[in-house]
Amino acid sequence: MNGAPLPRSFFDAPVETVAPRLLGSVLVHTTADGPVGVRLTEVEAYAGPRDPASHAYKGQTARNAVMFGPPGHAYVYFTYGMHYCANLVCGPAGTASGILLRAGEIVEGRELAAARRPNSSVRDLARGPARLCNALAIARPENGLDVCDPAGALCILPGDPVAPASIRTGPRVGVNGGKDTPWRFWIDGDPTVSVYRPHVPRRRTATRA
């Protein structure tokens, strides 16, 4: 896809303001196999030290260091011992806010995305944060990449704007702290939006003496 990426100033604002504006934008990752682009249809905002659901709530660590840097960079983390999830850093350096990319529609490189996610329907290629990363081949090496760099391998393009009346909000998926904060944003009626699931506490398995 052609065009200049979103400017850094786009991300230099409160994360809950940036998140709904990001819907409809296109994230493109270009590898040796070619580019794959996803039109974002669902995102979640996380507000750093002021948000108990954020990875940065308790301060900076080696894992979340990218979140404390300048806006417009990718924060990629590994979860559940098997999946990668991608976020875009927002706000001034030090605020550690980020937007989790939850779901989208593959609009470029669909055959390549399908090869990375065999047996998936078109709707499900990037329906969920782990699937989105699989389809775009986003993993640990992409952590810290500048998505505002027009020459970068990972960039975010403006896409077509989404009418405010088509945007819905609700609680974030699977979080405990701040579980009622309505910072999940999605395009109403889009088939690629993931299914909402509330946080379910893990139960300890009883052991016999």
N, C-alpha and C. Protein backbone atom coordinates (compact mmCIF):
# COMPACT_ATOMS: atom_id res chain seq x y z
N MET A 1 0.84 -1.20 0.00
CA MET A 1 0.00 0.00 0.00
C MET A 1 0.88 1.25 0.00
N ASN A 2 0.39 2.32 -0.61
CA ASN A 2 1.14 3.55 -0.73
C ASN A 2 0.63 4.60 0.24
N GLY A 3 1.43 5.66 0.41
CA GLY A 3 1.03 6.75 1.28
C GLY A 3 1.95 6.89 2.47
N ALA A 4 1.93 8.08 3.06
CA ALA A 4 2.77 8.35 4.21
C ALA A 4 2.11 7.79 5.48
N PRO A 5 2.92 7.30 6.41
CA PRO A 5 2.34 6.79 7.66
C PRO A 5 1.79 7.91 8.52
N LEU A 6 1.03 7.55 9.52
CA LEU A 6 0.52 8.53 10.47
C LEU A 6 1.70 9.23 11.14
N PRO A 7 1.61 10.55 11.36
CA PRO A 7 2.72 11.27 12.00
C PRO A 7 2.82 10.96 13.49
N ARG A 8 3.98 11.21 14.06
CA ARG A 8 4.17 10.94 15.48
C ARG A 8 3.20 11.75 16.34
N SER A 9 2.86 12.94 15.87
CA SER A 9 1.94 13.79 16.62
C SER A 9 0.58 13.12 16.82
N PHE A 10 0.20 12.23 15.90
CA PHE A 10 -1.07 11.50 16.03
C PHE A 10 -1.10 10.71 17.34
N PHE A 11 0.03 10.13 17.72
CA PHE A 11 0.10 9.28 18.90
C PHE A 11 0.42 10.05 20.18
N ASP A 12 0.82 11.33 20.04
CA ASP A 12 1.24 12.12 21.19
C ASP A 12 0.04 12.80 21.84
N ALA A 13 -0.85 11.97 22.39
CA ALA A 13 -2.09 12.43 23.01
C ALA A 13 -2.55 11.36 23.99
N PRO A 14 -3.51 11.66 24.86
CA PRO A 14 -4.01 10.63 25.79
C PRO A 14 -4.47 9.39 25.04
N VAL A 15 -4.11 8.23 25.57
CA VAL A 15 -4.34 6.97 24.86
C VAL A 15 -5.82 6.72 24.58
N GLU A 16 -6.69 7.12 25.50
CA GLU A 16 -8.12 6.91 25.29
C GLU A 16 -8.68 7.80 24.19
N THR A 17 -7.95 8.86 23.85
CA THR A 17 -8.33 9.73 22.73
C THR A 17 -7.82 9.15 21.41
N VAL A 18 -6.61 8.63 21.43
CA VAL A 18 -6.00 8.10 20.21
C VAL A 18 -6.68 6.81 19.76
N ALA A 19 -7.03 5.94 20.71
CA ALA A 19 -7.52 4.60 20.38
C ALA A 19 -8.69 4.59 19.38
N PRO A 20 -9.79 5.32 19.62
CA PRO A 20 -10.88 5.26 18.64
C PRO A 20 -10.50 5.87 17.29
N ARG A 21 -9.58 6.83 17.30
CA ARG A 21 -9.14 7.44 16.04
C ARG A 21 -8.30 6.47 15.21
N LEU A 22 -7.73 5.45 15.87
CA LEU A 22 -6.88 4.50 15.17
C LEU A 22 -7.68 3.50 14.34
N LEU A 23 -8.96 3.33 14.67
CA LEU A 23 -9.81 2.40 13.91
C LEU A 23 -9.88 2.83 12.44
N GLY A 24 -9.74 1.85 11.56
CA GLY A 24 -9.74 2.13 10.13
C GLY A 24 -8.35 2.33 9.56
N SER A 25 -7.36 2.57 10.44
CA SER A 25 -5.98 2.69 9.99
C SER A 25 -5.46 1.33 9.55
N VAL A 26 -4.39 1.32 8.78
CA VAL A 26 -3.86 0.07 8.23
C VAL A 26 -2.42 -0.14 8.71
N LEU A 27 -2.20 -1.22 9.43
CA LEU A 27 -0.87 -1.61 9.87
C LEU A 27 -0.28 -2.55 8.83
N VAL A 28 0.91 -2.21 8.33
CA VAL A 28 1.57 -3.00 7.29
C VAL A 28 2.92 -3.49 7.81
N HIS A 29 3.15 -4.79 7.68
CA HIS A 29 4.46 -5.35 8.01
C HIS A 29 5.03 -5.99 6.76
N THR A 30 6.21 -5.52 6.36
CA THR A 30 6.87 -6.03 5.17
C THR A 30 8.05 -6.90 5.58
N THR A 31 8.03 -8.17 5.14
CA THR A 31 9.12 -9.10 5.40
C THR A 31 9.72 -9.53 4.07
N ALA A 32 10.65 -10.47 4.12
CA ALA A 32 11.26 -10.98 2.89
C ALA A 32 10.22 -11.67 2.01
N ASP A 33 9.12 -12.11 2.60
CA ASP A 33 8.07 -12.78 1.84
C ASP A 33 7.10 -11.80 1.19
N GLY A 34 7.16 -10.54 1.61
CA GLY A 34 6.25 -9.54 1.06
C GLY A 34 5.48 -8.83 2.15
N PRO A 35 4.64 -7.86 1.78
CA PRO A 35 3.86 -7.10 2.77
C PRO A 35 2.52 -7.76 3.09
N VAL A 36 2.10 -7.57 4.34
CA VAL A 36 0.73 -7.92 4.75
C VAL A 36 0.19 -6.70 5.49
N GLY A 37 -1.01 -6.29 5.13
CA GLY A 37 -1.63 -5.13 5.78
C GLY A 37 -2.96 -5.50 6.41
N VAL A 38 -3.22 -4.94 7.59
CA VAL A 38 -4.48 -5.20 8.29
C VAL A 38 -5.16 -3.87 8.63
N ARG A 39 -6.42 -3.75 8.25
CA ARG A 39 -7.23 -2.59 8.61
C ARG A 39 -7.77 -2.84 10.01
N LEU A 40 -7.43 -1.97 10.94
CA LEU A 40 -7.78 -2.19 12.34
C LEU A 40 -9.27 -1.96 12.59
N THR A 41 -9.90 -2.96 13.21
CA THR A 41 -11.33 -2.87 13.51
C THR A 41 -11.63 -2.93 15.01
N GLU A 42 -10.61 -3.24 15.81
CA GLU A 42 -10.82 -3.36 17.26
C GLU A 42 -9.51 -3.10 17.98
N VAL A 43 -9.54 -2.22 18.99
CA VAL A 43 -8.35 -1.89 19.77
C VAL A 43 -8.74 -1.70 21.23
N GLU A 44 -7.73 -1.70 22.10
CA GLU A 44 -7.94 -1.44 23.52
C GLU A 44 -6.88 -0.45 24.02
N ALA A 45 -7.29 0.49 24.85
CA ALA A 45 -6.38 1.49 25.41
C ALA A 45 -5.92 1.07 26.80
N TYR A 46 -4.62 1.30 27.08
CA TYR A 46 -4.03 1.03 28.40
C TYR A 46 -3.20 2.24 28.80
N ALA A 47 -3.51 2.79 29.98
CA ALA A 47 -2.99 4.11 30.35
C ALA A 47 -1.85 4.08 31.37
N GLY A 48 -0.92 3.16 31.24
CA GLY A 48 0.29 3.17 32.02
C GLY A 48 0.07 3.18 33.52
N PRO A 49 0.82 4.01 34.26
CA PRO A 49 0.76 4.01 35.73
C PRO A 49 -0.59 4.40 36.32
N ARG A 50 -1.49 4.97 35.52
CA ARG A 50 -2.81 5.31 36.05
C ARG A 50 -3.87 4.26 35.71
N ASP A 51 -3.41 3.11 35.23
CA ASP A 51 -4.34 2.06 34.79
C ASP A 51 -3.90 0.71 35.36
N PRO A 52 -4.64 0.14 36.31
CA PRO A 52 -4.23 -1.13 36.93
C PRO A 52 -4.19 -2.30 35.96
N ALA A 53 -4.75 -2.18 34.76
CA ALA A 53 -4.71 -3.26 33.79
C ALA A 53 -3.48 -3.17 32.88
N SER A 54 -2.72 -2.09 33.00
CA SER A 54 -1.58 -1.88 32.12
C SER A 54 -0.34 -2.63 32.59
N HIS A 55 0.48 -3.07 31.63
CA HIS A 55 1.76 -3.70 31.96
C HIS A 55 2.69 -2.73 32.68
N ALA A 56 2.45 -1.43 32.51
CA ALA A 56 3.33 -0.42 33.09
C ALA A 56 2.81 0.13 34.42
N TYR A 57 1.78 -0.46 34.95
CA TYR A 57 1.13 0.08 36.17
C TYR A 57 2.09 0.14 37.35
N LYS A 58 2.97 -0.85 37.46
CA LYS A 58 3.89 -0.90 38.60
C LYS A 58 5.28 -0.37 38.28
N GLY A 59 5.43 0.26 37.12
CA GLY A 59 6.70 0.86 36.78
C GLY A 59 7.43 0.18 35.63
N GLN A 60 8.58 0.69 35.33
CA GLN A 60 9.34 0.22 34.17
C GLN A 60 10.11 -1.06 34.48
N THR A 61 10.10 -1.97 33.52
CA THR A 61 10.86 -3.21 33.59
C THR A 61 11.54 -3.42 32.24
N ALA A 62 12.37 -4.45 32.16
CA ALA A 62 13.00 -4.76 30.88
C ALA A 62 11.96 -5.10 29.83
N ARG A 63 10.87 -5.75 30.27
CA ARG A 63 9.83 -6.17 29.32
C ARG A 63 9.07 -4.99 28.73
N ASN A 64 8.71 -4.01 29.56
CA ASN A 64 7.83 -2.94 29.10
C ASN A 64 8.56 -1.64 28.80
N ALA A 65 9.89 -1.66 28.71
CA ALA A 65 10.68 -0.44 28.56
C ALA A 65 10.26 0.40 27.36
N VAL A 66 9.86 -0.26 26.27
CA VAL A 66 9.44 0.49 25.07
C VAL A 66 8.27 1.40 25.36
N MET A 67 7.39 1.00 26.27
CA MET A 67 6.22 1.82 26.59
C MET A 67 6.60 3.17 27.20
N PHE A 68 7.77 3.24 27.84
CA PHE A 68 8.21 4.48 28.48
C PHE A 68 8.96 5.40 27.52
N GLY A 69 9.12 4.97 26.28
CA GLY A 69 9.81 5.77 25.28
C GLY A 69 8.87 6.68 24.54
N PRO A 70 9.32 7.22 23.41
CA PRO A 70 8.49 8.16 22.64
C PRO A 70 7.31 7.46 21.97
N PRO A 71 6.28 8.23 21.63
CA PRO A 71 5.09 7.65 20.99
C PRO A 71 5.40 7.19 19.56
N GLY A 72 4.49 6.35 19.04
CA GLY A 72 4.62 5.90 17.67
C GLY A 72 5.56 4.74 17.47
N HIS A 73 5.80 3.97 18.54
CA HIS A 73 6.63 2.77 18.45
C HIS A 73 5.82 1.54 18.83
N ALA A 74 6.25 0.39 18.36
CA ALA A 74 5.56 -0.86 18.64
C ALA A 74 6.07 -1.47 19.94
N TYR A 75 5.15 -1.87 20.79
CA TYR A 75 5.47 -2.63 22.00
C TYR A 75 4.91 -4.03 21.77
N VAL A 76 5.79 -5.01 21.61
CA VAL A 76 5.38 -6.39 21.34
C VAL A 76 5.78 -7.25 22.53
N TYR A 77 4.83 -8.02 23.05
CA TYR A 77 5.14 -8.88 24.19
C TYR A 77 4.65 -10.30 23.94
N PHE A 78 5.25 -11.22 24.68
CA PHE A 78 4.94 -12.65 24.59
C PHE A 78 4.04 -13.01 25.77
N THR A 79 2.98 -13.77 25.51
CA THR A 79 2.03 -14.07 26.58
C THR A 79 1.61 -15.53 26.54
N TYR A 80 1.27 -16.06 27.70
CA TYR A 80 0.82 -17.45 27.85
C TYR A 80 1.81 -18.47 27.30
N GLY A 81 3.06 -18.06 27.13
CA GLY A 81 4.08 -18.97 26.66
C GLY A 81 3.93 -19.41 25.22
N MET A 82 3.09 -18.70 24.44
CA MET A 82 2.86 -19.16 23.06
C MET A 82 2.47 -18.07 22.08
N HIS A 83 2.04 -16.89 22.54
CA HIS A 83 1.51 -15.88 21.62
C HIS A 83 2.23 -14.54 21.77
N TYR A 84 2.28 -13.81 20.65
CA TYR A 84 2.74 -12.42 20.68
C TYR A 84 1.54 -11.50 20.50
N CYS A 85 1.60 -10.34 21.15
CA CYS A 85 0.58 -9.31 21.00
C CYS A 85 1.28 -7.99 20.72
N ALA A 86 0.66 -7.14 19.90
CA ALA A 86 1.28 -5.88 19.49
C ALA A 86 0.48 -4.69 20.00
N ASN A 87 1.22 -3.68 20.48
CA ASN A 87 0.65 -2.43 20.95
C ASN A 87 1.37 -1.27 20.26
N LEU A 88 0.72 -0.12 20.22
CA LEU A 88 1.35 1.10 19.73
C LEU A 88 1.43 2.09 20.88
N VAL A 89 2.62 2.61 21.14
CA VAL A 89 2.87 3.49 22.28
C VAL A 89 2.28 4.87 22.00
N CYS A 90 1.64 5.45 23.03
CA CYS A 90 1.01 6.77 22.91
C CYS A 90 1.48 7.69 24.03
N GLY A 91 1.20 8.99 23.84
CA GLY A 91 1.52 9.98 24.85
C GLY A 91 2.99 10.33 24.90
N PRO A 92 3.34 11.39 25.62
CA PRO A 92 4.75 11.80 25.74
C PRO A 92 5.60 10.70 26.37
N ALA A 93 6.88 10.71 26.08
CA ALA A 93 7.80 9.74 26.68
C ALA A 93 7.66 9.78 28.20
N GLY A 94 7.60 8.59 28.79
CA GLY A 94 7.47 8.48 30.24
C GLY A 94 6.07 8.17 30.71
N THR A 95 5.06 8.37 29.86
CA THR A 95 3.68 8.11 30.29
C THR A 95 3.31 6.64 30.16
N ALA A 96 4.03 5.91 29.33
CA ALA A 96 3.87 4.45 29.20
C ALA A 96 2.47 4.00 28.83
N SER A 97 1.80 4.74 27.98
CA SER A 97 0.47 4.36 27.51
C SER A 97 0.59 3.60 26.19
N GLY A 98 -0.35 2.70 25.94
CA GLY A 98 -0.30 1.94 24.71
C GLY A 98 -1.67 1.46 24.27
N ILE A 99 -1.77 1.13 22.98
CA ILE A 99 -3.01 0.63 22.40
C ILE A 99 -2.78 -0.79 21.90
N LEU A 100 -3.50 -1.75 22.48
CA LEU A 100 -3.42 -3.14 22.03
C LEU A 100 -4.22 -3.28 20.74
N LEU A 101 -3.59 -3.88 19.74
CA LEU A 101 -4.26 -4.11 18.45
C LEU A 101 -4.97 -5.45 18.53
N ARG A 102 -6.29 -5.42 18.68
CA ARG A 102 -7.05 -6.63 18.97
C ARG A 102 -7.51 -7.39 17.73
N ALA A 103 -7.87 -6.67 16.67
CA ALA A 103 -8.42 -7.39 15.52
C ALA A 103 -8.45 -6.49 14.30
N GLY A 104 -8.55 -7.13 13.13
CA GLY A 104 -8.64 -6.35 11.91
C GLY A 104 -8.93 -7.21 10.69
N GLU A 105 -9.07 -6.53 9.57
CA GLU A 105 -9.35 -7.17 8.28
C GLU A 105 -8.09 -7.12 7.41
N ILE A 106 -7.66 -8.26 6.93
CA ILE A 106 -6.49 -8.28 6.04
C ILE A 106 -6.87 -7.65 4.70
N VAL A 107 -6.18 -6.57 4.35
CA VAL A 107 -6.50 -5.84 3.12
C VAL A 107 -5.36 -5.88 2.11
N GLU A 108 -4.24 -6.43 2.50
CA GLU A 108 -3.11 -6.60 1.58
C GLU A 108 -2.36 -7.88 1.98
N GLY A 109 -1.92 -8.64 0.97
CA GLY A 109 -1.16 -9.85 1.26
C GLY A 109 -2.00 -10.96 1.87
N ARG A 110 -3.24 -11.08 1.42
CA ARG A 110 -4.15 -12.07 2.03
C ARG A 110 -3.65 -13.50 1.86
N GLU A 111 -3.08 -13.81 0.71
CA GLU A 111 -2.58 -15.17 0.49
C GLU A 111 -1.43 -15.50 1.44
N LEU A 112 -0.56 -14.53 1.67
CA LEU A 112 0.56 -14.74 2.59
C LEU A 112 0.05 -14.89 4.02
N ALA A 113 -0.91 -14.06 4.40
CA ALA A 113 -1.49 -14.18 5.74
C ALA A 113 -2.16 -15.53 5.93
N ALA A 114 -2.86 -16.01 4.89
CA ALA A 114 -3.53 -17.31 4.96
C ALA A 114 -2.52 -18.45 5.07
N ALA A 115 -1.36 -18.31 4.43
CA ALA A 115 -0.33 -19.33 4.52
C ALA A 115 0.24 -19.41 5.94
N ARG A 116 0.27 -18.27 6.61
CA ARG A 116 0.75 -18.24 7.99
C ARG A 116 -0.30 -18.74 8.97
N ARG A 117 -1.57 -18.67 8.56
CA ARG A 117 -2.66 -19.13 9.41
C ARG A 117 -3.54 -20.10 8.63
N PRO A 118 -3.01 -21.29 8.30
CA PRO A 118 -3.77 -22.26 7.51
C PRO A 118 -5.05 -22.69 8.22
N ASN A 119 -6.04 -23.01 7.42
CA ASN A 119 -7.35 -23.48 7.90
C ASN A 119 -8.17 -22.39 8.58
N SER A 120 -7.76 -21.12 8.43
CA SER A 120 -8.54 -20.02 8.99
C SER A 120 -9.42 -19.41 7.90
N SER A 121 -10.61 -19.00 8.28
CA SER A 121 -11.47 -18.29 7.35
C SER A 121 -10.91 -16.89 7.14
N VAL A 122 -11.36 -16.21 6.10
CA VAL A 122 -10.93 -14.84 5.84
C VAL A 122 -11.24 -13.96 7.04
N ARG A 123 -12.40 -14.14 7.63
CA ARG A 123 -12.80 -13.35 8.79
C ARG A 123 -11.85 -13.54 9.97
N ASP A 124 -11.34 -14.75 10.14
CA ASP A 124 -10.55 -15.08 11.33
C ASP A 124 -9.05 -14.90 11.16
N LEU A 125 -8.58 -14.46 10.02
CA LEU A 125 -7.14 -14.34 9.80
C LEU A 125 -6.46 -13.45 10.84
N ALA A 126 -7.12 -12.34 11.21
CA ALA A 126 -6.55 -11.42 12.20
C ALA A 126 -7.58 -11.05 13.25
N ARG A 127 -8.43 -11.99 13.57
CA ARG A 127 -9.52 -11.76 14.54
C ARG A 127 -9.06 -12.18 15.94
N GLY A 128 -8.44 -11.26 16.63
CA GLY A 128 -7.84 -11.53 17.93
C GLY A 128 -6.39 -11.08 17.91
N PRO A 129 -5.84 -10.60 19.03
CA PRO A 129 -4.49 -10.03 19.03
C PRO A 129 -3.39 -11.00 18.65
N ALA A 130 -3.48 -12.26 19.07
CA ALA A 130 -2.46 -13.25 18.71
C ALA A 130 -2.56 -13.61 17.23
N ARG A 131 -3.77 -13.76 16.72
CA ARG A 131 -3.95 -14.07 15.30
C ARG A 131 -3.45 -12.94 14.42
N LEU A 132 -3.70 -11.72 14.86
CA LEU A 132 -3.22 -10.56 14.10
C LEU A 132 -1.70 -10.60 13.98
N CYS A 133 -1.02 -10.89 15.08
CA CYS A 133 0.45 -10.96 15.04
C CYS A 133 0.92 -12.14 14.18
N ASN A 134 0.23 -13.25 14.25
CA ASN A 134 0.61 -14.40 13.41
C ASN A 134 0.48 -14.06 11.93
N ALA A 135 -0.64 -13.45 11.56
CA ALA A 135 -0.90 -13.14 10.16
C ALA A 135 0.12 -12.16 9.60
N LEU A 136 0.59 -11.23 10.45
CA LEU A 136 1.54 -10.22 9.99
C LEU A 136 2.99 -10.58 10.32
N ALA A 137 3.21 -11.75 10.92
CA ALA A 137 4.56 -12.19 11.30
C ALA A 137 5.23 -11.18 12.24
N ILE A 138 4.46 -10.71 13.22
CA ILE A 138 5.00 -9.80 14.23
C ILE A 138 5.41 -10.61 15.45
N ALA A 139 6.65 -10.45 15.87
CA ALA A 139 7.17 -11.19 17.01
C ALA A 139 8.20 -10.30 17.74
N ARG A 140 9.03 -10.92 18.56
CA ARG A 140 9.96 -10.16 19.38
C ARG A 140 10.86 -9.18 18.59
N PRO A 141 11.36 -9.55 17.39
CA PRO A 141 12.21 -8.61 16.65
C PRO A 141 11.53 -7.28 16.30
N GLU A 142 10.20 -7.27 16.28
CA GLU A 142 9.47 -6.04 15.93
C GLU A 142 9.26 -5.13 17.15
N ASN A 143 9.61 -5.60 18.34
CA ASN A 143 9.46 -4.78 19.54
C ASN A 143 10.35 -3.54 19.43
N GLY A 144 9.75 -2.36 19.58
CA GLY A 144 10.50 -1.11 19.51
C GLY A 144 10.56 -0.46 18.15
N LEU A 145 10.03 -1.09 17.11
CA LEU A 145 10.08 -0.49 15.78
C LEU A 145 9.24 0.79 15.72
N ASP A 146 9.72 1.73 14.92
CA ASP A 146 9.06 3.02 14.74
C ASP A 146 8.02 2.89 13.63
N VAL A 147 6.73 2.92 13.98
CA VAL A 147 5.68 2.74 12.97
C VAL A 147 5.39 4.02 12.20
N CYS A 148 6.05 5.12 12.56
CA CYS A 148 5.88 6.38 11.85
C CYS A 148 6.97 6.59 10.80
N ASP A 149 7.89 5.66 10.69
CA ASP A 149 9.00 5.74 9.73
C ASP A 149 8.53 5.25 8.37
N PRO A 150 8.47 6.12 7.35
CA PRO A 150 8.00 5.68 6.03
C PRO A 150 8.86 4.61 5.39
N ALA A 151 10.11 4.48 5.86
CA ALA A 151 11.00 3.46 5.30
C ALA A 151 11.08 2.22 6.20
N GLY A 152 10.29 2.21 7.26
CA GLY A 152 10.34 1.10 8.21
C GLY A 152 9.62 -0.14 7.73
N ALA A 153 10.00 -1.28 8.28
CA ALA A 153 9.35 -2.54 7.92
C ALA A 153 7.94 -2.63 8.48
N LEU A 154 7.68 -1.93 9.59
CA LEU A 154 6.37 -1.94 10.23
C LEU A 154 5.88 -0.50 10.29
N CYS A 155 4.77 -0.21 9.60
CA CYS A 155 4.27 1.17 9.60
C CYS A 155 2.75 1.18 9.65
N ILE A 156 2.22 2.31 10.08
CA ILE A 156 0.77 2.46 10.22
C ILE A 156 0.30 3.58 9.29
N LEU A 157 -0.59 3.23 8.35
CA LEU A 157 -1.09 4.17 7.36
C LEU A 157 -2.48 4.67 7.75
N PRO A 158 -2.88 5.86 7.30
CA PRO A 158 -4.16 6.44 7.74
C PRO A 158 -5.39 5.59 7.42
N GLY A 159 -5.47 5.00 6.22
CA GLY A 159 -6.68 4.25 5.87
C GLY A 159 -7.87 5.15 5.71
N ASP A 160 -9.06 4.56 5.65
CA ASP A 160 -10.29 5.32 5.52
C ASP A 160 -10.85 5.65 6.90
N PRO A 161 -11.24 6.90 7.15
CA PRO A 161 -11.77 7.27 8.46
C PRO A 161 -13.07 6.54 8.77
N VAL A 162 -13.28 6.27 10.05
CA VAL A 162 -14.49 5.60 10.51
C VAL A 162 -15.40 6.64 11.15
N ALA A 163 -16.66 6.66 10.76
CA ALA A 163 -17.61 7.62 11.32
C ALA A 163 -17.77 7.38 12.82
N PRO A 164 -17.75 8.44 13.64
CA PRO A 164 -17.90 8.27 15.09
C PRO A 164 -19.15 7.48 15.47
N ALA A 165 -20.21 7.60 14.69
CA ALA A 165 -21.44 6.88 15.00
C ALA A 165 -21.30 5.38 14.84
N SER A 166 -20.26 4.93 14.14
CA SER A 166 -20.04 3.50 13.92
C SER A 166 -19.10 2.88 14.95
N ILE A 167 -18.59 3.70 15.88
CA ILE A 167 -17.64 3.20 16.88
C ILE A 167 -18.36 2.88 18.17
N ARG A 168 -18.11 1.69 18.70
CA ARG A 168 -18.69 1.26 19.97
C ARG A 168 -17.59 1.14 21.02
N THR A 169 -17.97 1.24 22.28
CA THR A 169 -17.01 1.12 23.38
C THR A 169 -17.55 0.16 24.42
N GLY A 170 -16.62 -0.44 25.19
CA GLY A 170 -17.02 -1.36 26.25
C GLY A 170 -15.81 -1.78 27.06
N PRO A 171 -16.01 -2.64 28.06
CA PRO A 171 -14.89 -3.11 28.88
C PRO A 171 -13.87 -3.87 28.06
N ARG A 172 -12.64 -3.85 28.52
CA ARG A 172 -11.56 -4.57 27.84
C ARG A 172 -11.69 -6.07 28.10
N VAL A 173 -11.09 -6.84 27.21
CA VAL A 173 -11.23 -8.29 27.24
C VAL A 173 -10.25 -8.92 28.22
N GLY A 174 -10.77 -9.76 29.12
CA GLY A 174 -9.95 -10.61 29.96
C GLY A 174 -9.07 -9.91 30.98
N VAL A 175 -9.39 -8.66 31.37
CA VAL A 175 -8.57 -7.97 32.36
C VAL A 175 -9.25 -8.01 33.72
N ASN A 176 -8.44 -7.95 34.77
CA ASN A 176 -8.96 -7.94 36.13
C ASN A 176 -8.97 -6.51 36.68
N GLY A 177 -7.78 -5.91 36.82
CA GLY A 177 -7.74 -4.53 37.26
C GLY A 177 -8.37 -3.61 36.23
N GLY A 178 -9.20 -2.67 36.70
CA GLY A 178 -9.87 -1.76 35.78
C GLY A 178 -10.78 -2.47 34.80
N LYS A 179 -11.39 -3.56 35.26
CA LYS A 179 -12.17 -4.39 34.34
C LYS A 179 -13.41 -3.72 33.78
N ASP A 180 -13.91 -2.68 34.44
CA ASP A 180 -15.11 -2.01 33.95
C ASP A 180 -14.81 -0.75 33.13
N THR A 181 -13.54 -0.41 33.00
CA THR A 181 -13.18 0.77 32.22
C THR A 181 -13.50 0.54 30.75
N PRO A 182 -14.31 1.39 30.13
CA PRO A 182 -14.78 1.14 28.75
C PRO A 182 -13.78 1.61 27.70
N TRP A 183 -12.59 1.00 27.70
CA TRP A 183 -11.54 1.42 26.78
C TRP A 183 -11.27 0.40 25.69
N ARG A 184 -12.24 -0.43 25.41
CA ARG A 184 -12.19 -1.26 24.21
C ARG A 184 -13.05 -0.57 23.16
N PHE A 185 -12.47 -0.38 21.97
CA PHE A 185 -13.16 0.34 20.90
C PHE A 185 -13.22 -0.54 19.66
N TRP A 186 -14.37 -0.59 19.01
CA TRP A 186 -14.50 -1.43 17.81
C TRP A 186 -15.49 -0.82 16.83
N ILE A 187 -15.39 -1.28 15.58
CA ILE A 187 -16.30 -0.82 14.53
C ILE A 187 -17.55 -1.69 14.59
N ASP A 188 -18.66 -1.05 14.82
CA ASP A 188 -19.93 -1.76 15.00
C ASP A 188 -20.28 -2.59 13.76
N GLY A 189 -20.60 -3.87 14.00
CA GLY A 189 -21.05 -4.74 12.93
C GLY A 189 -19.96 -5.34 12.07
N ASP A 190 -18.70 -5.00 12.32
CA ASP A 190 -17.63 -5.57 11.50
C ASP A 190 -17.40 -7.03 11.89
N PRO A 191 -17.39 -7.95 10.93
CA PRO A 191 -17.28 -9.37 11.25
C PRO A 191 -15.93 -9.79 11.82
N THR A 192 -14.90 -8.95 11.67
CA THR A 192 -13.58 -9.34 12.18
C THR A 192 -13.37 -9.00 13.64
N VAL A 193 -14.31 -8.28 14.26
CA VAL A 193 -14.19 -7.95 15.68
C VAL A 193 -14.26 -9.22 16.51
N SER A 194 -13.42 -9.32 17.52
CA SER A 194 -13.35 -10.55 18.32
C SER A 194 -14.51 -10.64 19.31
N VAL A 195 -14.66 -11.80 19.91
CA VAL A 195 -15.73 -12.04 20.88
C VAL A 195 -15.29 -11.54 22.25
N TYR A 196 -16.16 -10.80 22.93
CA TYR A 196 -15.82 -10.29 24.26
C TYR A 196 -15.84 -11.41 25.29
N ARG A 197 -14.77 -11.46 26.09
CA ARG A 197 -14.70 -12.43 27.18
C ARG A 197 -14.21 -11.73 28.44
N PRO A 198 -14.96 -11.78 29.53
CA PRO A 198 -14.52 -11.15 30.78
C PRO A 198 -13.39 -11.95 31.42
N HIS A 199 -12.73 -11.32 32.38
CA HIS A 199 -11.66 -12.00 33.11
C HIS A 199 -12.24 -13.14 33.94
N VAL A 200 -11.58 -14.29 33.89
CA VAL A 200 -11.98 -15.44 34.70
C VAL A 200 -10.80 -15.83 35.58
N PRO A 201 -10.92 -15.67 36.90
CA PRO A 201 -9.80 -16.01 37.78
C PRO A 201 -9.41 -17.47 37.64
N ARG A 202 -8.11 -17.72 37.68
CA ARG A 202 -7.63 -19.10 37.61
C ARG A 202 -7.82 -19.79 38.96
N ARG A 203 -8.28 -21.01 38.88
CA ARG A 203 -8.47 -21.78 40.12
C ARG A 203 -7.28 -22.69 40.35
N ARG A 204 -6.86 -22.74 41.60
CA ARG A 204 -5.76 -23.63 41.93
C ARG A 204 -6.26 -25.07 41.99
N THR A 205 -5.51 -25.97 41.40
CA THR A 205 -5.90 -27.38 41.39
C THR A 205 -5.56 -28.02 42.74
N ALA A 206 -6.55 -28.64 43.31
CA ALA A 206 -6.35 -29.31 44.60
C ALA A 206 -5.43 -30.51 44.45
N THR A 207 -4.57 -30.70 45.42
CA THR A 207 -3.65 -31.85 45.41
C THR A 207 -3.94 -32.74 46.60
N ARG A 208 -3.71 -34.01 46.40
CA ARG A 208 -3.93 -34.94 47.50
C ARG A 208 -2.66 -35.06 48.36
N ALA A 209 -2.90 -35.27 49.62
CA ALA A 209 -1.76 -35.41 50.56
C ALA A 209 -1.12 -36.77 50.32
